[in-house]
Amino acid sequence: MIPKGHQERGEDLELTAQREVYEETGIEAEVVSKIGEISYSFRLGSTRIQKTVHHYLLRQVGGDLNHLGDPTGEVLKVSWFPMSELENVLAHENERKVAQQALEMLS
């Protein structure tokens, strides 16, 4: 999965992206560019939930994968992988599309 999470009070979206990446991976990063956003909805019992996920291209500026700052215990494993393996690593079609957009931005 791609790191993601909820915006905290007073945070702009770019700061949220940087914080979530650090909390879930240990990587300190700066935003290079916004890739896009994906909106979707789902049902939780009788309630329909509407979500929008904002995606950013980030560049590592510090930290490392050996320092997991995840206080929730949600993250079980973090690893680097070759860009050529995106199709095999990302489980969700939306994430694969975002990764493809990022690759196009880098080329």
PDB file of N, CA and C in Angstrom:
ATOM      1  N   MET A   1       0.823  -1.188   0.000  1.00  0.00           N
ATOM      2  CA  MET A   1       0.000   0.000   0.000  1.00  0.00           C
ATOM      3  C   MET A   1       0.865   1.249   0.000  1.00  0.00           C
ATOM      4  N   ILE A   2       0.324   2.284  -0.542  1.00  0.00           N
ATOM      5  CA  ILE A   2       0.970   3.589  -0.527  1.00  0.00           C
ATOM      6  C   ILE A   2       0.634   4.247   0.810  1.00  0.00           C
ATOM      7  N   PRO A   3       1.593   4.908   1.481  1.00  0.00           N
ATOM      8  CA  PRO A   3       1.274   5.588   2.745  1.00  0.00           C
ATOM      9  C   PRO A   3       0.156   6.605   2.550  1.00  0.00           C
ATOM     10  N   LYS A   4      -0.774   6.618   3.492  1.00  0.00           N
ATOM     11  CA  LYS A   4      -1.854   7.605   3.460  1.00  0.00           C
ATOM     12  C   LYS A   4      -2.466   7.705   4.843  1.00  0.00           C
ATOM     13  N   GLY A   5      -3.225   8.758   5.040  1.00  0.00           N
ATOM     14  CA  GLY A   5      -3.871   8.941   6.334  1.00  0.00           C
ATOM     15  C   GLY A   5      -4.708  10.200   6.348  1.00  0.00           C
ATOM     16  N   HIS A   6      -5.151  10.559   7.518  1.00  0.00           N
ATOM     17  CA  HIS A   6      -6.064  11.682   7.679  1.00  0.00           C
ATOM     18  C   HIS A   6      -5.322  12.984   7.948  1.00  0.00           C
ATOM     19  N   GLN A   7      -5.878  14.062   7.424  1.00  0.00           N
ATOM     20  CA  GLN A   7      -5.360  15.400   7.645  1.00  0.00           C
ATOM     21  C   GLN A   7      -5.663  15.801   9.089  1.00  0.00           C
ATOM     22  N   GLU A   8      -4.659  16.323   9.786  1.00  0.00           N
ATOM     23  CA  GLU A   8      -4.855  16.792  11.152  1.00  0.00           C
ATOM     24  C   GLU A   8      -5.246  18.261  11.139  1.00  0.00           C
ATOM     25  N   ARG A   9      -5.876  18.687  12.184  1.00  0.00           N
ATOM     26  CA  ARG A   9      -6.343  20.073  12.308  1.00  0.00           C
ATOM     27  C   ARG A   9      -5.183  21.048  12.074  1.00  0.00           C
ATOM     28  N   GLY A  10      -5.397  22.005  11.171  1.00  0.00           N
ATOM     29  CA  GLY A  10      -4.403  23.033  10.899  1.00  0.00           C
ATOM     30  C   GLY A  10      -3.350  22.643   9.873  1.00  0.00           C
ATOM     31  N   GLU A  11      -3.375  21.395   9.400  1.00  0.00           N
ATOM     32  CA  GLU A  11      -2.398  20.942   8.411  1.00  0.00           C
ATOM     33  C   GLU A  11      -2.890  21.228   7.004  1.00  0.00           C
ATOM     34  N   ASP A  12      -1.956  21.635   6.118  1.00  0.00           N
ATOM     35  CA  ASP A  12      -2.333  21.647   4.705  1.00  0.00           C
ATOM     36  C   ASP A  12      -2.076  20.245   4.158  1.00  0.00           C
ATOM     37  N   LEU A  13      -2.568  19.983   2.971  1.00  0.00           N
ATOM     38  CA  LEU A  13      -2.490  18.630   2.411  1.00  0.00           C
ATOM     39  C   LEU A  13      -1.051  18.169   2.188  1.00  0.00           C
ATOM     40  N   GLU A  14      -0.165  19.079   1.781  1.00  0.00           N
ATOM     41  CA  GLU A  14       1.232  18.684   1.563  1.00  0.00           C
ATOM     42  C   GLU A  14       1.894  18.261   2.866  1.00  0.00           C
ATOM     43  N   LEU A  15       1.638  18.978   3.936  1.00  0.00           N
ATOM     44  CA  LEU A  15       2.206  18.618   5.238  1.00  0.00           C
ATOM     45  C   LEU A  15       1.648  17.271   5.703  1.00  0.00           C
ATOM     46  N   THR A  16       0.373  17.039   5.440  1.00  0.00           N
ATOM     47  CA  THR A  16      -0.221  15.740   5.780  1.00  0.00           C
ATOM     48  C   THR A  16       0.510  14.617   5.053  1.00  0.00           C
ATOM     49  N   ALA A  17       0.774  14.808   3.762  1.00  0.00           N
ATOM     50  CA  ALA A  17       1.491  13.783   2.979  1.00  0.00           C
ATOM     51  C   ALA A  17       2.872  13.526   3.568  1.00  0.00           C
ATOM     52  N   GLN A  18       3.590  14.587   3.891  1.00  0.00           N
ATOM     53  CA  GLN A  18       4.932  14.428   4.460  1.00  0.00           C
ATOM     54  C   GLN A  18       4.886  13.715   5.809  1.00  0.00           C
ATOM     55  N   ARG A  19       3.947  14.105   6.669  1.00  0.00           N
ATOM     56  CA  ARG A  19       3.836  13.495   7.995  1.00  0.00           C
ATOM     57  C   ARG A  19       3.471  12.019   7.892  1.00  0.00           C
ATOM     58  N   GLU A  20       2.495  11.704   7.043  1.00  0.00           N
ATOM     59  CA  GLU A  20       2.071  10.313   6.908  1.00  0.00           C
ATOM     60  C   GLU A  20       3.195   9.425   6.363  1.00  0.00           C
ATOM     61  N   VAL A  21       3.943   9.923   5.389  1.00  0.00           N
ATOM     62  CA  VAL A  21       5.073   9.151   4.860  1.00  0.00           C
ATOM     63  C   VAL A  21       6.094   8.902   5.965  1.00  0.00           C
ATOM     64  N   TYR A  22       6.384   9.932   6.763  1.00  0.00           N
ATOM     65  CA  TYR A  22       7.347   9.748   7.854  1.00  0.00           C
ATOM     66  C   TYR A  22       6.822   8.755   8.893  1.00  0.00           C
ATOM     67  N   GLU A  23       5.567   8.927   9.311  1.00  0.00           N
ATOM     68  CA  GLU A  23       5.012   8.044  10.340  1.00  0.00           C
ATOM     69  C   GLU A  23       4.976   6.586   9.888  1.00  0.00           C
ATOM     70  N   GLU A  24       4.688   6.365   8.611  1.00  0.00           N
ATOM     71  CA  GLU A  24       4.511   4.995   8.141  1.00  0.00           C
ATOM     72  C   GLU A  24       5.767   4.357   7.569  1.00  0.00           C
ATOM     73  N   THR A  25       6.781   5.165   7.249  1.00  0.00           N
ATOM     74  CA  THR A  25       7.990   4.591   6.646  1.00  0.00           C
ATOM     75  C   THR A  25       9.290   4.987   7.331  1.00  0.00           C
ATOM     76  N   GLY A  26       9.307   6.110   8.045  1.00  0.00           N
ATOM     77  CA  GLY A  26      10.546   6.624   8.601  1.00  0.00           C
ATOM     78  C   GLY A  26      11.282   7.544   7.636  1.00  0.00           C
ATOM     79  N   ILE A  27      10.735   7.767   6.448  1.00  0.00           N
ATOM     80  CA  ILE A  27      11.368   8.605   5.423  1.00  0.00           C
ATOM     81  C   ILE A  27      10.910  10.054   5.582  1.00  0.00           C
ATOM     82  N   GLU A  28      11.877  10.975   5.660  1.00  0.00           N
ATOM     83  CA  GLU A  28      11.581  12.404   5.637  1.00  0.00           C
ATOM     84  C   GLU A  28      11.584  12.825   4.170  1.00  0.00           C
ATOM     85  N   ALA A  29      10.544  13.533   3.746  1.00  0.00           N
ATOM     86  CA  ALA A  29      10.403  13.837   2.335  1.00  0.00           C
ATOM     87  C   ALA A  29       9.870  15.251   2.120  1.00  0.00           C
ATOM     88  N   GLU A  30      10.148  15.763   0.916  1.00  0.00           N
ATOM     89  CA  GLU A  30       9.580  17.041   0.499  1.00  0.00           C
ATOM     90  C   GLU A  30       8.701  16.783  -0.713  1.00  0.00           C
ATOM     91  N   VAL A  31       7.654  17.597  -0.842  1.00  0.00           N
ATOM     92  CA  VAL A  31       6.730  17.449  -1.957  1.00  0.00           C
ATOM     93  C   VAL A  31       7.367  18.018  -3.220  1.00  0.00           C
ATOM     94  N   VAL A  32       7.358  17.228  -4.276  1.00  0.00           N
ATOM     95  CA  VAL A  32       7.846  17.665  -5.584  1.00  0.00           C
ATOM     96  C   VAL A  32       6.683  18.224  -6.388  1.00  0.00           C
ATOM     97  N   SER A  33       5.565  17.491  -6.390  1.00  0.00           N
ATOM     98  CA  SER A  33       4.412  17.886  -7.191  1.00  0.00           C
ATOM     99  C   SER A  33       3.192  17.096  -6.754  1.00  0.00           C
ATOM    100  N   LYS A  34       2.016  17.663  -6.974  1.00  0.00           N
ATOM    101  CA  LYS A  34       0.789  16.898  -6.741  1.00  0.00           C
ATOM    102  C   LYS A  34       0.551  16.023  -7.960  1.00  0.00           C
ATOM    103  N   ILE A  35       0.244  14.757  -7.728  1.00  0.00           N
ATOM    104  CA  ILE A  35      -0.037  13.829  -8.819  1.00  0.00           C
ATOM    105  C   ILE A  35      -1.515  13.929  -9.201  1.00  0.00           C
ATOM    106  N   GLY A  36      -2.371  13.948  -8.217  1.00  0.00           N
ATOM    107  CA  GLY A  36      -3.807  14.011  -8.473  1.00  0.00           C
ATOM    108  C   GLY A  36      -4.571  13.571  -7.249  1.00  0.00           C
ATOM    109  N   GLU A  37      -5.841  13.297  -7.446  1.00  0.00           N
ATOM    110  CA  GLU A  37      -6.667  12.827  -6.339  1.00  0.00           C
ATOM    111  C   GLU A  37      -7.692  11.825  -6.849  1.00  0.00           C
ATOM    112  N   ILE A  38      -8.103  10.964  -5.944  1.00  0.00           N
ATOM    113  CA  ILE A  38      -9.088   9.938  -6.263  1.00  0.00           C
ATOM    114  C   ILE A  38     -10.216  10.057  -5.244  1.00  0.00           C
ATOM    115  N   SER A  39     -11.446  10.184  -5.727  1.00  0.00           N
ATOM    116  CA  SER A  39     -12.615  10.221  -4.854  1.00  0.00           C
ATOM    117  C   SER A  39     -13.394   8.931  -5.023  1.00  0.00           C
ATOM    118  N   TYR A  40     -13.895   8.429  -3.919  1.00  0.00           N
ATOM    119  CA  TYR A  40     -14.703   7.212  -3.959  1.00  0.00           C
ATOM    120  C   TYR A  40     -15.621   7.196  -2.747  1.00  0.00           C
ATOM    121  N   SER A  41     -16.580   6.300  -2.771  1.00  0.00           N
ATOM    122  CA  SER A  41     -17.471   6.154  -1.625  1.00  0.00           C
ATOM    123  C   SER A  41     -17.662   4.670  -1.336  1.00  0.00           C
ATOM    124  N   PHE A  42     -18.061   4.407  -0.097  1.00  0.00           N
ATOM    125  CA  PHE A  42     -18.352   3.035   0.318  1.00  0.00           C
ATOM    126  C   PHE A  42     -19.363   3.086   1.452  1.00  0.00           C
ATOM    127  N   ARG A  43     -19.937   1.947   1.747  1.00  0.00           N
ATOM    128  CA  ARG A  43     -20.911   1.863   2.829  1.00  0.00           C
ATOM    129  C   ARG A  43     -20.264   1.249   4.067  1.00  0.00           C
ATOM    130  N   LEU A  44     -20.567   1.848   5.197  1.00  0.00           N
ATOM    131  CA  LEU A  44     -20.168   1.305   6.489  1.00  0.00           C
ATOM    132  C   LEU A  44     -21.473   1.137   7.273  1.00  0.00           C
ATOM    133  N   GLY A  45     -22.010  -0.073   7.253  1.00  0.00           N
ATOM    134  CA  GLY A  45     -23.356  -0.296   7.796  1.00  0.00           C
ATOM    135  C   GLY A  45     -24.360   0.412   6.911  1.00  0.00           C
ATOM    136  N   SER A  46     -25.170   1.265   7.499  1.00  0.00           N
ATOM    137  CA  SER A  46     -26.164   2.002   6.719  1.00  0.00           C
ATOM    138  C   SER A  46     -25.663   3.383   6.295  1.00  0.00           C
ATOM    139  N   THR A  47     -24.416   3.707   6.620  1.00  0.00           N
ATOM    140  CA  THR A  47     -23.860   5.028   6.308  1.00  0.00           C
ATOM    141  C   THR A  47     -22.983   4.963   5.067  1.00  0.00           C
ATOM    142  N   ARG A  48     -23.216   5.899   4.149  1.00  0.00           N
ATOM    143  CA  ARG A  48     -22.351   6.020   2.972  1.00  0.00           C
ATOM    144  C   ARG A  48     -21.238   6.994   3.320  1.00  0.00           C
ATOM    145  N   ILE A  49     -19.988   6.559   3.120  1.00  0.00           N
ATOM    146  CA  ILE A  49     -18.802   7.360   3.412  1.00  0.00           C
ATOM    147  C   ILE A  49     -18.213   7.833   2.082  1.00  0.00           C
ATOM    148  N   GLN A  50     -17.955   9.126   1.967  1.00  0.00           N
ATOM    149  CA  GLN A  50     -17.311   9.706   0.780  1.00  0.00           C
ATOM    150  C   GLN A  50     -15.890  10.084   1.162  1.00  0.00           C
ATOM    151  N   LYS A  51     -14.905   9.633   0.375  1.00  0.00           N
ATOM    152  CA  LYS A  51     -13.494   9.936   0.663  1.00  0.00           C
ATOM    153  C   LYS A  51     -12.810  10.493  -0.576  1.00  0.00           C
ATOM    154  N   THR A  52     -11.855  11.368  -0.343  1.00  0.00           N
ATOM    155  CA  THR A  52     -10.968  11.849  -1.397  1.00  0.00           C
ATOM    156  C   THR A  52      -9.546  11.659  -0.907  1.00  0.00           C
ATOM    157  N   VAL A  53      -8.735  10.979  -1.696  1.00  0.00           N
ATOM    158  CA  VAL A  53      -7.332  10.741  -1.363  1.00  0.00           C
ATOM    159  C   VAL A  53      -6.488  11.584  -2.309  1.00  0.00           C
ATOM    160  N   HIS A  54      -5.630  12.427  -1.738  1.00  0.00           N
ATOM    161  CA  HIS A  54      -4.748  13.303  -2.512  1.00  0.00           C
ATOM    162  C   HIS A  54      -3.381  12.635  -2.604  1.00  0.00           C
ATOM    163  N   HIS A  55      -2.827  12.558  -3.809  1.00  0.00           N
ATOM    164  CA  HIS A  55      -1.550  11.876  -4.036  1.00  0.00           C
ATOM    165  C   HIS A  55      -0.480  12.878  -4.447  1.00  0.00           C
ATOM    166  N   TYR A  56       0.695  12.726  -3.855  1.00  0.00           N
ATOM    167  CA  TYR A  56       1.823  13.615  -4.126  1.00  0.00           C
ATOM    168  C   TYR A  56       3.062  12.814  -4.491  1.00  0.00           C
ATOM    169  N   LEU A  57       3.874  13.390  -5.350  1.00  0.00           N
ATOM    170  CA  LEU A  57       5.199  12.861  -5.656  1.00  0.00           C
ATOM    171  C   LEU A  57       6.142  13.518  -4.660  1.00  0.00           C
ATOM    172  N   LEU A  58       6.876  12.704  -3.901  1.00  0.00           N
ATOM    173  CA  LEU A  58       7.787  13.226  -2.877  1.00  0.00           C
ATOM    174  C   LEU A  58       9.205  12.768  -3.149  1.00  0.00           C
ATOM    175  N   ARG A  59      10.158  13.537  -2.649  1.00  0.00           N
ATOM    176  CA  ARG A  59      11.586  13.221  -2.758  1.00  0.00           C
ATOM    177  C   ARG A  59      12.129  13.032  -1.343  1.00  0.00           C
ATOM    178  N   GLN A  60      12.870  11.943  -1.130  1.00  0.00           N
ATOM    179  CA  GLN A  60      13.468  11.691   0.179  1.00  0.00           C
ATOM    180  C   GLN A  60      14.533  12.731   0.470  1.00  0.00           C
ATOM    181  N   VAL A  61      14.467  13.325   1.673  1.00  0.00           N
ATOM    182  CA  VAL A  61      15.471  14.293   2.096  1.00  0.00           C
ATOM    183  C   VAL A  61      16.152  13.864   3.399  1.00  0.00           C
ATOM    184  N   GLY A  62      15.696  12.763   3.975  1.00  0.00           N
ATOM    185  CA  GLY A  62      16.297  12.267   5.216  1.00  0.00           C
ATOM    186  C   GLY A  62      15.565  11.027   5.686  1.00  0.00           C
ATOM    187  N   GLY A  63      15.970  10.557   6.853  1.00  0.00           N
ATOM    188  CA  GLY A  63      15.348   9.376   7.427  1.00  0.00           C
ATOM    189  C   GLY A  63      15.746   8.107   6.693  1.00  0.00           C
ATOM    190  N   ASP A  64      15.269   6.994   7.199  1.00  0.00           N
ATOM    191  CA  ASP A  64      15.519   5.717   6.535  1.00  0.00           C
ATOM    192  C   ASP A  64      14.443   4.722   6.947  1.00  0.00           C
ATOM    193  N   LEU A  65      14.370   3.630   6.227  1.00  0.00           N
ATOM    194  CA  LEU A  65      13.332   2.634   6.481  1.00  0.00           C
ATOM    195  C   LEU A  65      13.541   1.860   7.779  1.00  0.00           C
ATOM    196  N   ASN A  66      14.693   2.015   8.403  1.00  0.00           N
ATOM    197  CA  ASN A  66      14.953   1.310   9.654  1.00  0.00           C
ATOM    198  C   ASN A  66      14.298   2.000  10.841  1.00  0.00           C
ATOM    199  N   HIS A  67      13.853   3.248  10.643  1.00  0.00           N
ATOM    200  CA  HIS A  67      13.198   3.991  11.724  1.00  0.00           C
ATOM    201  C   HIS A  67      11.710   4.077  11.425  1.00  0.00           C
ATOM    202  N   LEU A  68      10.940   3.199  12.007  1.00  0.00           N
ATOM    203  CA  LEU A  68       9.495   3.269  11.822  1.00  0.00           C
ATOM    204  C   LEU A  68       8.893   4.088  12.951  1.00  0.00           C
ATOM    205  N   GLY A  69       8.310   5.198  12.607  1.00  0.00           N
ATOM    206  CA  GLY A  69       7.701   6.061  13.596  1.00  0.00           C
ATOM    207  C   GLY A  69       6.229   5.766  13.790  1.00  0.00           C
ATOM    208  N   ASP A  70       5.724   4.683  13.228  1.00  0.00           N
ATOM    209  CA  ASP A  70       4.298   4.367  13.267  1.00  0.00           C
ATOM    210  C   ASP A  70       3.841   4.062  14.688  1.00  0.00           C
ATOM    211  N   PRO A  71       3.132   5.006  15.325  1.00  0.00           N
ATOM    212  CA  PRO A  71       2.687   4.772  16.704  1.00  0.00           C
ATOM    213  C   PRO A  71       1.476   3.847  16.796  1.00  0.00           C
ATOM    214  N   THR A  72       0.811   3.587  15.679  1.00  0.00           N
ATOM    215  CA  THR A  72      -0.419   2.794  15.695  1.00  0.00           C
ATOM    216  C   THR A  72      -0.185   1.301  15.557  1.00  0.00           C
ATOM    217  N   GLY A  73       0.983   0.920  15.054  1.00  0.00           N
ATOM    218  CA  GLY A  73       1.251  -0.484  14.813  1.00  0.00           C
ATOM    219  C   GLY A  73       0.580  -1.011  13.553  1.00  0.00           C
ATOM    220  N   GLU A  74       0.043  -0.100  12.717  1.00  0.00           N
ATOM    221  CA  GLU A  74      -0.631  -0.505  11.486  1.00  0.00           C
ATOM    222  C   GLU A  74       0.337  -1.044  10.443  1.00  0.00           C
ATOM    223  N   VAL A  75       1.570  -0.547  10.459  1.00  0.00           N
ATOM    224  CA  VAL A  75       2.543  -0.907   9.431  1.00  0.00           C
ATOM    225  C   VAL A  75       3.326  -2.125   9.889  1.00  0.00           C
ATOM    226  N   LEU A  76       3.259  -3.187   9.093  1.00  0.00           N
ATOM    227  CA  LEU A  76       3.967  -4.415   9.436  1.00  0.00           C
ATOM    228  C   LEU A  76       5.334  -4.496   8.772  1.00  0.00           C
ATOM    229  N   LYS A  77       5.449  -3.952   7.553  1.00  0.00           N
ATOM    230  CA  LYS A  77       6.697  -4.054   6.805  1.00  0.00           C
ATOM    231  C   LYS A  77       6.786  -2.895   5.811  1.00  0.00           C
ATOM    232  N   VAL A  78       7.991  -2.367   5.682  1.00  0.00           N
ATOM    233  CA  VAL A  78       8.262  -1.306   4.712  1.00  0.00           C
ATOM    234  C   VAL A  78       9.496  -1.720   3.935  1.00  0.00           C
ATOM    235  N   SER A  79       9.457  -1.560   2.604  1.00  0.00           N
ATOM    236  CA  SER A  79      10.631  -1.931   1.825  1.00  0.00           C
ATOM    237  C   SER A  79      10.685  -1.149   0.523  1.00  0.00           C
ATOM    238  N   TRP A  80      11.889  -1.015  -0.005  1.00  0.00           N
ATOM    239  CA  TRP A  80      12.102  -0.432  -1.323  1.00  0.00           C
ATOM    240  C   TRP A  80      11.938  -1.533  -2.351  1.00  0.00           C
ATOM    241  N   PHE A  81      11.527  -1.175  -3.545  1.00  0.00           N
ATOM    242  CA  PHE A  81      11.428  -2.141  -4.631  1.00  0.00           C
ATOM    243  C   PHE A  81      11.641  -1.414  -5.947  1.00  0.00           C
ATOM    244  N   PRO A  82      12.082  -2.134  -6.979  1.00  0.00           N
ATOM    245  CA  PRO A  82      12.299  -1.499  -8.288  1.00  0.00           C
ATOM    246  C   PRO A  82      10.984  -1.006  -8.893  1.00  0.00           C
ATOM    247  N   MET A  83      11.032   0.126  -9.581  1.00  0.00           N
ATOM    248  CA  MET A  83       9.842   0.680 -10.214  1.00  0.00           C
ATOM    249  C   MET A  83       9.239  -0.306 -11.207  1.00  0.00           C
ATOM    250  N   SER A  84      10.066  -1.166 -11.765  1.00  0.00           N
ATOM    251  CA  SER A  84       9.573  -2.149 -12.740  1.00  0.00           C
ATOM    252  C   SER A  84       8.632  -3.170 -12.104  1.00  0.00           C
ATOM    253  N   GLU A  85       8.590  -3.238 -10.779  1.00  0.00           N
ATOM    254  CA  GLU A  85       7.738  -4.210 -10.085  1.00  0.00           C
ATOM    255  C   GLU A  85       6.410  -3.621  -9.598  1.00  0.00           C
ATOM    256  N   LEU A  86       6.095  -2.385 -10.006  1.00  0.00           N
ATOM    257  CA  LEU A  86       4.868  -1.735  -9.524  1.00  0.00           C
ATOM    258  C   LEU A  86       3.617  -2.582  -9.726  1.00  0.00           C
ATOM    259  N   GLU A  87       3.488  -3.163 -10.897  1.00  0.00           N
ATOM    260  CA  GLU A  87       2.300  -3.959 -11.187  1.00  0.00           C
ATOM    261  C   GLU A  87       2.141  -5.134 -10.220  1.00  0.00           C
ATOM    262  N   ASN A  88       3.263  -5.677  -9.764  1.00  0.00           N
ATOM    263  CA  ASN A  88       3.223  -6.838  -8.875  1.00  0.00           C
ATOM    264  C   ASN A  88       3.091  -6.456  -7.404  1.00  0.00           C
ATOM    265  N   VAL A  89       3.528  -5.253  -7.036  1.00  0.00           N
ATOM    266  CA  VAL A  89       3.583  -4.851  -5.637  1.00  0.00           C
ATOM    267  C   VAL A  89       2.299  -4.164  -5.178  1.00  0.00           C
ATOM    268  N   LEU A  90       1.720  -3.322  -6.020  1.00  0.00           N
ATOM    269  CA  LEU A  90       0.533  -2.568  -5.629  1.00  0.00           C
ATOM    270  C   LEU A  90      -0.726  -3.377  -5.915  1.00  0.00           C
ATOM    271  N   ALA A  91      -1.538  -3.564  -4.889  1.00  0.00           N
ATOM    272  CA  ALA A  91      -2.702  -4.436  -4.999  1.00  0.00           C
ATOM    273  C   ALA A  91      -3.911  -3.768  -5.642  1.00  0.00           C
ATOM    274  N   HIS A  92      -4.045  -2.462  -5.488  1.00  0.00           N
ATOM    275  CA  HIS A  92      -5.248  -1.774  -5.951  1.00  0.00           C
ATOM    276  C   HIS A  92      -5.009  -1.063  -7.283  1.00  0.00           C
ATOM    277  N   GLU A  93      -5.967  -1.179  -8.170  1.00  0.00           N
ATOM    278  CA  GLU A  93      -5.870  -0.568  -9.499  1.00  0.00           C
ATOM    279  C   GLU A  93      -5.654   0.947  -9.406  1.00  0.00           C
ATOM    280  N   ASN A  94      -6.354   1.618  -8.482  1.00  0.00           N
ATOM    281  CA  ASN A  94      -6.175   3.060  -8.325  1.00  0.00           C
ATOM    282  C   ASN A  94      -4.738   3.413  -7.952  1.00  0.00           C
ATOM    283  N   GLU A  95      -4.120   2.605  -7.082  1.00  0.00           N
ATOM    284  CA  GLU A  95      -2.733   2.855  -6.695  1.00  0.00           C
ATOM    285  C   GLU A  95      -1.801   2.637  -7.875  1.00  0.00           C
ATOM    286  N   ARG A  96      -2.077   1.629  -8.688  1.00  0.00           N
ATOM    287  CA  ARG A  96      -1.243   1.391  -9.879  1.00  0.00           C
ATOM    288  C   ARG A  96      -1.345   2.562 -10.849  1.00  0.00           C
ATOM    289  N   LYS A  97      -2.544   3.132 -10.996  1.00  0.00           N
ATOM    290  CA  LYS A  97      -2.721   4.297 -11.874  1.00  0.00           C
ATOM    291  C   LYS A  97      -1.934   5.501 -11.358  1.00  0.00           C
ATOM    292  N   VAL A  98      -1.987   5.738 -10.055  1.00  0.00           N
ATOM    293  CA  VAL A  98      -1.242   6.858  -9.458  1.00  0.00           C
ATOM    294  C   VAL A  98       0.254   6.643  -9.650  1.00  0.00           C
ATOM    295  N   ALA A  99       0.726   5.428  -9.434  1.00  0.00           N
ATOM    296  CA  ALA A  99       2.150   5.127  -9.623  1.00  0.00           C
ATOM    297  C   ALA A  99       2.557   5.340 -11.075  1.00  0.00           C
ATOM    298  N   GLN A 100       1.702   4.965 -12.006  1.00  0.00           N
ATOM    299  CA  GLN A 100       1.996   5.177 -13.429  1.00  0.00           C
ATOM    300  C   GLN A 100       2.078   6.664 -13.738  1.00  0.00           C
ATOM    301  N   GLN A 101       1.183   7.455 -13.157  1.00  0.00           N
ATOM    302  CA  GLN A 101       1.225   8.911 -13.342  1.00  0.00           C
ATOM    303  C   GLN A 101       2.540   9.475 -12.800  1.00  0.00           C
ATOM    304  N   ALA A 102       2.972   8.968 -11.649  1.00  0.00           N
ATOM    305  CA  ALA A 102       4.240   9.423 -11.059  1.00  0.00           C
ATOM    306  C   ALA A 102       5.413   9.081 -11.980  1.00  0.00           C
ATOM    307  N   LEU A 103       5.399   7.869 -12.524  1.00  0.00           N
ATOM    308  CA  LEU A 103       6.461   7.470 -13.466  1.00  0.00           C
ATOM    309  C   LEU A 103       6.503   8.392 -14.675  1.00  0.00           C
ATOM    310  N   GLU A 104       5.337   8.747 -15.206  1.00  0.00           N
ATOM    311  CA  GLU A 104       5.273   9.641 -16.353  1.00  0.00           C
ATOM    312  C   GLU A 104       5.800  11.028 -15.995  1.00  0.00           C
ATOM    313  N   MET A 105       5.538  11.482 -14.785  1.00  0.00           N
ATOM    314  CA  MET A 105       6.034  12.784 -14.336  1.00  0.00           C
ATOM    315  C   MET A 105       7.552  12.785 -14.222  1.00  0.00           C
ATOM    316  N   LEU A 106       8.112  11.631 -13.871  1.00  0.00           N
ATOM    317  CA  LEU A 106       9.575  11.524 -13.681  1.00  0.00           C
ATOM    318  C   LEU A 106      10.330  11.408 -15.007  1.00  0.00           C
ATOM    319  N   SER A 107       9.624  10.986 -16.074  1.00  0.00           N
ATOM    320  CA  SER A 107      10.335  10.796 -17.350  1.00  0.00           C
ATOM    321  C   SER A 107      10.253  12.009 -18.251  1.00  0.00           C
TER     322      SER A 107
END
